[in-house]
Amino acid sequence: MSRSTTRERGRGSAAERPLRRDAERNRERVLDAAHEVFAARGLEATLNDIAHHAGLGVGTVYRRFPNKDCLVEIMFVAKLDRIRGLAEEALAEPATWSALVRFMEEMAGMLARDRGLYQVSVSATHGHDRVAAAREEMCRHVGKLIERGEAEGLLRPGVSGSDVQAFTVMLGALVDFSQPVRPELWRRYLAVFLDGLRRCPGQDKPLPEPALTGEELAATL
């Protein structure tokens, strides 16, 4: 191999390394911007909005993420997995009621502060298969936590994991309603919801409507 060929290859490698570093930095800027934009504005935000927030050209964003669903999948699978992890941690605790309360407070806080996360939690219209699988796994673990509370006689008869999903939907409307004046008002109504779940002495009156079945819940997403 000639010295000139070796020098040419060396120059090519040196040129590629900064390019790869720049590309990785741009990717991180896009992800940081997407986190902030989706949290504040929800999934109605476009890739153009994210590019503007990141201070990058639109073409740079599209080279890394050909459509918004690809970016949604990267952003939110990990967040849904985090909620599932919180449910797993609650299931590992011996005191079921306090574990359930802590889980609900942490989950509701995550959803209240991140509009995009709320939307992928209650709707199947965003993301690809990995988002759907993460959402289903999250719901399954929440259901197991509710089933344990009911089996221990801590919850009202007929309470179901789908009641938590229904509350999640209501939480989004509440946050939209109160955000301009009382961003933390959701905490008040979470306490009301939890009090409604808990079984009290002499409180055996059945709930007026049965909980949504799995099929009905899937049809609402």
C-alpha atoms as a PDB file:
ATOM      1  CA  MET A   1       0.000   0.000   0.000  1.00  0.00           C
ATOM      2  CA  SER A   2       1.394   3.409  -0.942  1.00  0.00           C
ATOM      3  CA  ARG A   3       1.995   6.159   1.576  1.00  0.00           C
ATOM      4  CA  SER A   4      -0.402   8.425  -0.322  1.00  0.00           C
ATOM      5  CA  THR A   5      -3.212   5.855   0.011  1.00  0.00           C
ATOM      6  CA  THR A   6      -2.538   5.527   3.736  1.00  0.00           C
ATOM      7  CA  ARG A   7      -2.627   9.309   4.133  1.00  0.00           C
ATOM      8  CA  GLU A   8      -5.920   9.513   2.214  1.00  0.00           C
ATOM      9  CA  ARG A   9      -7.513   6.876   4.450  1.00  0.00           C
ATOM     10  CA  GLY A  10      -6.237   8.632   7.537  1.00  0.00           C
ATOM     11  CA  ARG A  11      -7.729  11.917   6.387  1.00  0.00           C
ATOM     12  CA  GLY A  12     -11.056  10.182   5.647  1.00  0.00           C
ATOM     13  CA  SER A  13     -11.251   8.639   9.117  1.00  0.00           C
ATOM     14  CA  ALA A  14     -10.407  11.931  10.788  1.00  0.00           C
ATOM     15  CA  ALA A  15     -13.120  13.678   8.776  1.00  0.00           C
ATOM     16  CA  GLU A  16     -15.739  11.053   9.646  1.00  0.00           C
ATOM     17  CA  ARG A  17     -15.163  11.184  13.403  1.00  0.00           C
ATOM     18  CA  PRO A  18     -16.235  14.843  13.867  1.00  0.00           C
ATOM     19  CA  LEU A  19     -19.197  14.206  11.549  1.00  0.00           C
ATOM     20  CA  ARG A  20     -20.369  11.286  13.680  1.00  0.00           C
ATOM     21  CA  ARG A  21     -19.919  13.350  16.847  1.00  0.00           C
ATOM     22  CA  ASP A  22     -21.918  16.207  15.323  1.00  0.00           C
ATOM     23  CA  ALA A  23     -24.661  13.813  14.253  1.00  0.00           C
ATOM     24  CA  GLU A  24     -24.870  12.347  17.757  1.00  0.00           C
ATOM     25  CA  ARG A  25     -24.973  15.811  19.336  1.00  0.00           C
ATOM     26  CA  ASN A  26     -27.784  16.791  16.974  1.00  0.00           C
ATOM     27  CA  ARG A  27     -29.692  13.631  17.857  1.00  0.00           C
ATOM     28  CA  GLU A  28     -29.433  14.464  21.556  1.00  0.00           C
ATOM     29  CA  ARG A  29     -30.597  18.018  20.871  1.00  0.00           C
ATOM     30  CA  VAL A  30     -33.632  16.650  19.027  1.00  0.00           C
ATOM     31  CA  LEU A  31     -34.480  14.252  21.873  1.00  0.00           C
ATOM     32  CA  ASP A  32     -34.098  16.977  24.504  1.00  0.00           C
ATOM     33  CA  ALA A  33     -36.279  19.324  22.475  1.00  0.00           C
ATOM     34  CA  ALA A  34     -38.875  16.604  21.869  1.00  0.00           C
ATOM     35  CA  HIS A  35     -39.075  15.877  25.591  1.00  0.00           C
ATOM     36  CA  GLU A  36     -39.771  19.537  26.358  1.00  0.00           C
ATOM     37  CA  VAL A  37     -42.135  20.183  23.446  1.00  0.00           C
ATOM     38  CA  PHE A  38     -44.197  16.996  23.847  1.00  0.00           C
ATOM     39  CA  ALA A  39     -44.433  17.519  27.615  1.00  0.00           C
ATOM     40  CA  ALA A  40     -45.696  21.078  27.227  1.00  0.00           C
ATOM     41  CA  ARG A  41     -47.774  20.859  24.046  1.00  0.00           C
ATOM     42  CA  GLY A  42     -48.582  17.201  23.613  1.00  0.00           C
ATOM     43  CA  LEU A  43     -48.369  15.085  20.506  1.00  0.00           C
ATOM     44  CA  GLU A  44     -50.076  17.703  18.365  1.00  0.00           C
ATOM     45  CA  ALA A  45     -46.600  19.248  18.100  1.00  0.00           C
ATOM     46  CA  THR A  46     -44.872  18.590  14.779  1.00  0.00           C
ATOM     47  CA  LEU A  47     -41.320  17.674  13.855  1.00  0.00           C
ATOM     48  CA  ASN A  48     -41.017  21.237  12.559  1.00  0.00           C
ATOM     49  CA  ASP A  49     -41.893  22.524  16.054  1.00  0.00           C
ATOM     50  CA  ILE A  50     -39.248  20.273  17.570  1.00  0.00           C
ATOM     51  CA  ALA A  51     -36.613  21.328  15.031  1.00  0.00           C
ATOM     52  CA  HIS A  52     -37.318  24.986  15.802  1.00  0.00           C
ATOM     53  CA  HIS A  53     -37.103  24.362  19.561  1.00  0.00           C
ATOM     54  CA  ALA A  54     -33.817  22.492  19.097  1.00  0.00           C
ATOM     55  CA  GLY A  55     -32.378  25.263  16.929  1.00  0.00           C
ATOM     56  CA  LEU A  56     -31.842  22.841  14.046  1.00  0.00           C
ATOM     57  CA  GLY A  57     -32.960  22.680  10.459  1.00  0.00           C
ATOM     58  CA  VAL A  58     -36.030  20.590   9.707  1.00  0.00           C
ATOM     59  CA  GLY A  59     -33.990  18.405   7.349  1.00  0.00           C
ATOM     60  CA  THR A  60     -31.629  17.474  10.191  1.00  0.00           C
ATOM     61  CA  VAL A  61     -34.553  16.174  12.252  1.00  0.00           C
ATOM     62  CA  TYR A  62     -36.075  14.227   9.367  1.00  0.00           C
ATOM     63  CA  ARG A  63     -32.739  12.557   8.619  1.00  0.00           C
ATOM     64  CA  ARG A  64     -32.739  11.094  12.130  1.00  0.00           C
ATOM     65  CA  PHE A  65     -36.493  10.518  12.491  1.00  0.00           C
ATOM     66  CA  PRO A  66     -38.412  10.025   9.223  1.00  0.00           C
ATOM     67  CA  ASN A  67     -41.788  10.608  10.910  1.00  0.00           C
ATOM     68  CA  LYS A  68     -43.186  11.685  14.247  1.00  0.00           C
ATOM     69  CA  ASP A  69     -44.262   8.184  15.322  1.00  0.00           C
ATOM     70  CA  CYS A  70     -40.631   7.020  15.196  1.00  0.00           C
ATOM     71  CA  LEU A  71     -39.699   9.799  17.602  1.00  0.00           C
ATOM     72  CA  VAL A  72     -42.738   9.111  19.804  1.00  0.00           C
ATOM     73  CA  GLU A  73     -41.691   5.471  20.122  1.00  0.00           C
ATOM     74  CA  ILE A  74     -38.167   6.374  21.195  1.00  0.00           C
ATOM     75  CA  MET A  75     -39.401   9.008  23.648  1.00  0.00           C
ATOM     76  CA  PHE A  76     -42.262   7.211  25.361  1.00  0.00           C
ATOM     77  CA  VAL A  77     -41.517   3.484  25.551  1.00  0.00           C
ATOM     78  CA  ALA A  78     -39.027   4.199  28.342  1.00  0.00           C
ATOM     79  CA  LYS A  79     -41.521   6.442  30.160  1.00  0.00           C
ATOM     80  CA  LEU A  80     -44.285   3.838  30.007  1.00  0.00           C
ATOM     81  CA  ASP A  81     -41.769   1.267  31.229  1.00  0.00           C
ATOM     82  CA  ARG A  82     -41.016   3.576  34.147  1.00  0.00           C
ATOM     83  CA  ILE A  83     -44.695   3.548  35.167  1.00  0.00           C
ATOM     84  CA  ARG A  84     -44.703  -0.245  34.866  1.00  0.00           C
ATOM     85  CA  GLY A  85     -41.606  -0.288  37.059  1.00  0.00           C
ATOM     86  CA  LEU A  86     -43.376   1.831  39.676  1.00  0.00           C
ATOM     87  CA  ALA A  87     -46.219  -0.706  39.727  1.00  0.00           C
ATOM     88  CA  GLU A  88     -43.698  -3.542  40.122  1.00  0.00           C
ATOM     89  CA  GLU A  89     -42.088  -1.725  43.038  1.00  0.00           C
ATOM     90  CA  ALA A  90     -45.510  -1.278  44.644  1.00  0.00           C
ATOM     91  CA  LEU A  91     -46.283  -4.983  44.189  1.00  0.00           C
ATOM     92  CA  ALA A  92     -43.047  -5.843  45.999  1.00  0.00           C
ATOM     93  CA  GLU A  93     -44.039  -3.853  49.089  1.00  0.00           C
ATOM     94  CA  PRO A  94     -45.859  -5.644  51.928  1.00  0.00           C
ATOM     95  CA  ALA A  95     -48.183  -2.731  52.827  1.00  0.00           C
ATOM     96  CA  THR A  96     -50.563  -2.800  49.874  1.00  0.00           C
ATOM     97  CA  TRP A  97     -52.616   0.333  50.529  1.00  0.00           C
ATOM     98  CA  SER A  98     -49.690   2.683  51.144  1.00  0.00           C
ATOM     99  CA  ALA A  99     -47.919   1.174  48.120  1.00  0.00           C
ATOM    100  CA  LEU A 100     -51.008   1.776  45.959  1.00  0.00           C
ATOM    101  CA  VAL A 101     -51.303   5.380  47.153  1.00  0.00           C
ATOM    102  CA  ARG A 102     -47.633   6.070  46.463  1.00  0.00           C
ATOM    103  CA  PHE A 103     -47.873   4.475  43.026  1.00  0.00           C
ATOM    104  CA  MET A 104     -50.943   6.528  42.104  1.00  0.00           C
ATOM    105  CA  GLU A 105     -49.305   9.752  43.300  1.00  0.00           C
ATOM    106  CA  GLU A 106     -46.129   9.091  41.307  1.00  0.00           C
ATOM    107  CA  MET A 107     -47.953   7.981  38.170  1.00  0.00           C
ATOM    108  CA  ALA A 108     -50.421  10.877  38.271  1.00  0.00           C
ATOM    109  CA  GLY A 109     -47.555  13.326  38.788  1.00  0.00           C
ATOM    110  CA  MET A 110     -45.723  11.993  35.732  1.00  0.00           C
ATOM    111  CA  LEU A 111     -48.852  12.256  33.589  1.00  0.00           C
ATOM    112  CA  ALA A 112     -49.830  15.692  34.885  1.00  0.00           C
ATOM    113  CA  ARG A 113     -46.402  17.122  34.044  1.00  0.00           C
ATOM    114  CA  ASP A 114     -46.066  15.486  30.620  1.00  0.00           C
ATOM    115  CA  ARG A 115     -48.956  15.985  28.217  1.00  0.00           C
ATOM    116  CA  GLY A 116     -47.402  13.682  25.626  1.00  0.00           C
ATOM    117  CA  LEU A 117     -47.021  10.856  28.133  1.00  0.00           C
ATOM    118  CA  TYR A 118     -50.634  11.308  29.172  1.00  0.00           C
ATOM    119  CA  GLN A 119     -51.736  11.033  25.538  1.00  0.00           C
ATOM    120  CA  VAL A 120     -49.839   7.823  24.798  1.00  0.00           C
ATOM    121  CA  SER A 121     -51.197   6.365  28.055  1.00  0.00           C
ATOM    122  CA  VAL A 122     -54.834   6.811  27.071  1.00  0.00           C
ATOM    123  CA  SER A 123     -54.771   6.550  23.279  1.00  0.00           C
ATOM    124  CA  ALA A 124     -53.627   3.913  20.804  1.00  0.00           C
ATOM    125  CA  THR A 125     -53.291   6.414  17.960  1.00  0.00           C
ATOM    126  CA  HIS A 126     -49.708   7.424  18.713  1.00  0.00           C
ATOM    127  CA  GLY A 127     -46.507   5.443  18.221  1.00  0.00           C
ATOM    128  CA  HIS A 128     -45.894   1.962  16.848  1.00  0.00           C
ATOM    129  CA  ASP A 129     -46.043  -1.573  18.235  1.00  0.00           C
ATOM    130  CA  ARG A 130     -43.452  -0.979  20.955  1.00  0.00           C
ATOM    131  CA  VAL A 131     -45.545   1.840  22.439  1.00  0.00           C
ATOM    132  CA  ALA A 132     -48.659  -0.358  22.370  1.00  0.00           C
ATOM    133  CA  ALA A 133     -46.789  -3.251  24.009  1.00  0.00           C
ATOM    134  CA  ALA A 134     -45.354  -0.972  26.720  1.00  0.00           C
ATOM    135  CA  ARG A 135     -48.808   0.503  27.409  1.00  0.00           C
ATOM    136  CA  GLU A 136     -50.387  -2.960  27.684  1.00  0.00           C
ATOM    137  CA  GLU A 137     -47.648  -4.161  30.024  1.00  0.00           C
ATOM    138  CA  MET A 138     -48.088  -1.057  32.177  1.00  0.00           C
ATOM    139  CA  CYS A 139     -51.867  -1.632  32.405  1.00  0.00           C
ATOM    140  CA  ARG A 140     -51.344  -5.303  33.256  1.00  0.00           C
ATOM    141  CA  HIS A 141     -49.135  -4.459  36.238  1.00  0.00           C
ATOM    142  CA  VAL A 142     -51.555  -1.782  37.450  1.00  0.00           C
ATOM    143  CA  GLY A 143     -54.335  -4.371  37.235  1.00  0.00           C
ATOM    144  CA  LYS A 144     -52.316  -6.816  39.351  1.00  0.00           C
ATOM    145  CA  LEU A 145     -51.844  -4.143  42.005  1.00  0.00           C
ATOM    146  CA  ILE A 146     -55.588  -3.436  42.117  1.00  0.00           C
ATOM    147  CA  GLU A 147     -56.402  -7.168  42.228  1.00  0.00           C
ATOM    148  CA  ARG A 148     -54.117  -7.594  45.221  1.00  0.00           C
ATOM    149  CA  GLY A 149     -55.798  -4.732  47.053  1.00  0.00           C
ATOM    150  CA  GLU A 150     -59.222  -6.203  46.371  1.00  0.00           C
ATOM    151  CA  ALA A 151     -58.119  -9.699  47.451  1.00  0.00           C
ATOM    152  CA  GLU A 152     -56.911  -8.249  50.760  1.00  0.00           C
ATOM    153  CA  GLY A 153     -60.265  -6.545  51.309  1.00  0.00           C
ATOM    154  CA  LEU A 154     -58.785  -3.059  51.041  1.00  0.00           C
ATOM    155  CA  LEU A 155     -60.843  -1.907  48.061  1.00  0.00           C
ATOM    156  CA  ARG A 156     -64.542  -1.606  47.441  1.00  0.00           C
ATOM    157  CA  PRO A 157     -66.152  -4.629  45.787  1.00  0.00           C
ATOM    158  CA  GLY A 158     -66.074  -4.393  42.013  1.00  0.00           C
ATOM    159  CA  VAL A 159     -63.079  -2.066  41.743  1.00  0.00           C
ATOM    160  CA  SER A 160     -60.942  -2.898  38.712  1.00  0.00           C
ATOM    161  CA  GLY A 161     -57.710  -1.893  37.061  1.00  0.00           C
ATOM    162  CA  SER A 162     -59.803  -0.244  34.352  1.00  0.00           C
ATOM    163  CA  ASP A 163     -61.001   2.235  37.000  1.00  0.00           C
ATOM    164  CA  VAL A 164     -57.427   3.507  37.206  1.00  0.00           C
ATOM    165  CA  GLN A 165     -57.380   3.909  33.428  1.00  0.00           C
ATOM    166  CA  ALA A 166     -60.678   5.818  33.586  1.00  0.00           C
ATOM    167  CA  PHE A 167     -59.231   8.108  36.255  1.00  0.00           C
ATOM    168  CA  THR A 168     -56.205   8.671  34.027  1.00  0.00           C
ATOM    169  CA  VAL A 169     -58.508   9.963  31.285  1.00  0.00           C
ATOM    170  CA  MET A 170     -60.237  12.287  33.761  1.00  0.00           C
ATOM    171  CA  LEU A 171     -56.855  13.469  35.020  1.00  0.00           C
ATOM    172  CA  GLY A 172     -55.995  14.893  31.610  1.00  0.00           C
ATOM    173  CA  ALA A 173     -59.190  16.943  31.485  1.00  0.00           C
ATOM    174  CA  LEU A 174     -58.589  18.165  35.035  1.00  0.00           C
ATOM    175  CA  VAL A 175     -55.026  19.254  34.280  1.00  0.00           C
ATOM    176  CA  ASP A 176     -56.179  21.160  31.183  1.00  0.00           C
ATOM    177  CA  PHE A 177     -58.939  22.800  33.213  1.00  0.00           C
ATOM    178  CA  SER A 178     -56.817  23.897  36.182  1.00  0.00           C
ATOM    179  CA  GLN A 179     -53.348  24.408  34.664  1.00  0.00           C
ATOM    180  CA  PRO A 180     -53.615  28.198  34.186  1.00  0.00           C
ATOM    181  CA  VAL A 181     -54.540  28.852  37.820  1.00  0.00           C
ATOM    182  CA  ARG A 182     -53.803  25.752  39.957  1.00  0.00           C
ATOM    183  CA  PRO A 183     -51.319  23.354  38.311  1.00  0.00           C
ATOM    184  CA  GLU A 184     -51.308  21.011  41.324  1.00  0.00           C
ATOM    185  CA  LEU A 185     -55.095  20.792  41.758  1.00  0.00           C
ATOM    186  CA  TRP A 186     -54.983  17.215  40.453  1.00  0.00           C
ATOM    187  CA  ARG A 187     -53.641  16.163  43.865  1.00  0.00           C
ATOM    188  CA  ARG A 188     -56.953  17.105  45.503  1.00  0.00           C
ATOM    189  CA  TYR A 189     -58.987  14.960  43.131  1.00  0.00           C
ATOM    190  CA  LEU A 190     -56.557  12.077  43.293  1.00  0.00           C
ATOM    191  CA  ALA A 191     -57.229  12.014  47.048  1.00  0.00           C
ATOM    192  CA  VAL A 192     -60.986  11.993  46.341  1.00  0.00           C
ATOM    193  CA  PHE A 193     -60.513   9.123  43.871  1.00  0.00           C
ATOM    194  CA  LEU A 194     -58.418   7.090  46.311  1.00  0.00           C
ATOM    195  CA  ASP A 195     -60.973   7.617  49.081  1.00  0.00           C
ATOM    196  CA  GLY A 196     -63.599   6.320  46.667  1.00  0.00           C
ATOM    197  CA  LEU A 197     -61.566   3.171  46.008  1.00  0.00           C
ATOM    198  CA  ARG A 198     -60.968   2.293  49.644  1.00  0.00           C
ATOM    199  CA  ARG A 199     -63.294  -0.042  51.471  1.00  0.00           C
ATOM    200  CA  CYS A 200     -64.723   1.333  54.709  1.00  0.00           C
ATOM    201  CA  PRO A 201     -66.580  -0.557  57.460  1.00  0.00           C
ATOM    202  CA  GLY A 202     -70.218  -0.986  56.476  1.00  0.00           C
ATOM    203  CA  GLN A 203     -69.549   0.183  52.917  1.00  0.00           C
ATOM    204  CA  ASP A 204     -70.779  -2.803  50.953  1.00  0.00           C
ATOM    205  CA  LYS A 205     -73.107  -0.968  48.604  1.00  0.00           C
ATOM    206  CA  PRO A 206     -72.186  -1.976  45.047  1.00  0.00           C
ATOM    207  CA  LEU A 207     -70.955   0.640  42.634  1.00  0.00           C
ATOM    208  CA  PRO A 208     -73.724   1.824  40.292  1.00  0.00           C
ATOM    209  CA  GLU A 209     -72.037   0.650  37.072  1.00  0.00           C
ATOM    210  CA  PRO A 210     -69.659  -2.254  36.483  1.00  0.00           C
ATOM    211  CA  ALA A 211     -66.078  -1.444  35.555  1.00  0.00           C
ATOM    212  CA  LEU A 212     -65.072  -1.483  31.918  1.00  0.00           C
ATOM    213  CA  THR A 213     -64.069  -4.914  30.666  1.00  0.00           C
ATOM    214  CA  GLY A 214     -60.763  -5.404  28.906  1.00  0.00           C
ATOM    215  CA  GLU A 215     -62.521  -5.443  25.537  1.00  0.00           C
ATOM    216  CA  GLU A 216     -64.450  -2.264  26.321  1.00  0.00           C
ATOM    217  CA  LEU A 217     -61.304  -0.540  27.523  1.00  0.00           C
ATOM    218  CA  ALA A 218     -59.446  -1.513  24.354  1.00  0.00           C
ATOM    219  CA  ALA A 219     -62.307  -0.098  22.281  1.00  0.00           C
ATOM    220  CA  THR A 220     -61.951   3.289  23.985  1.00  0.00           C
ATOM    221  CA  LEU A 221     -58.240   3.660  23.198  1.00  0.00           C
END
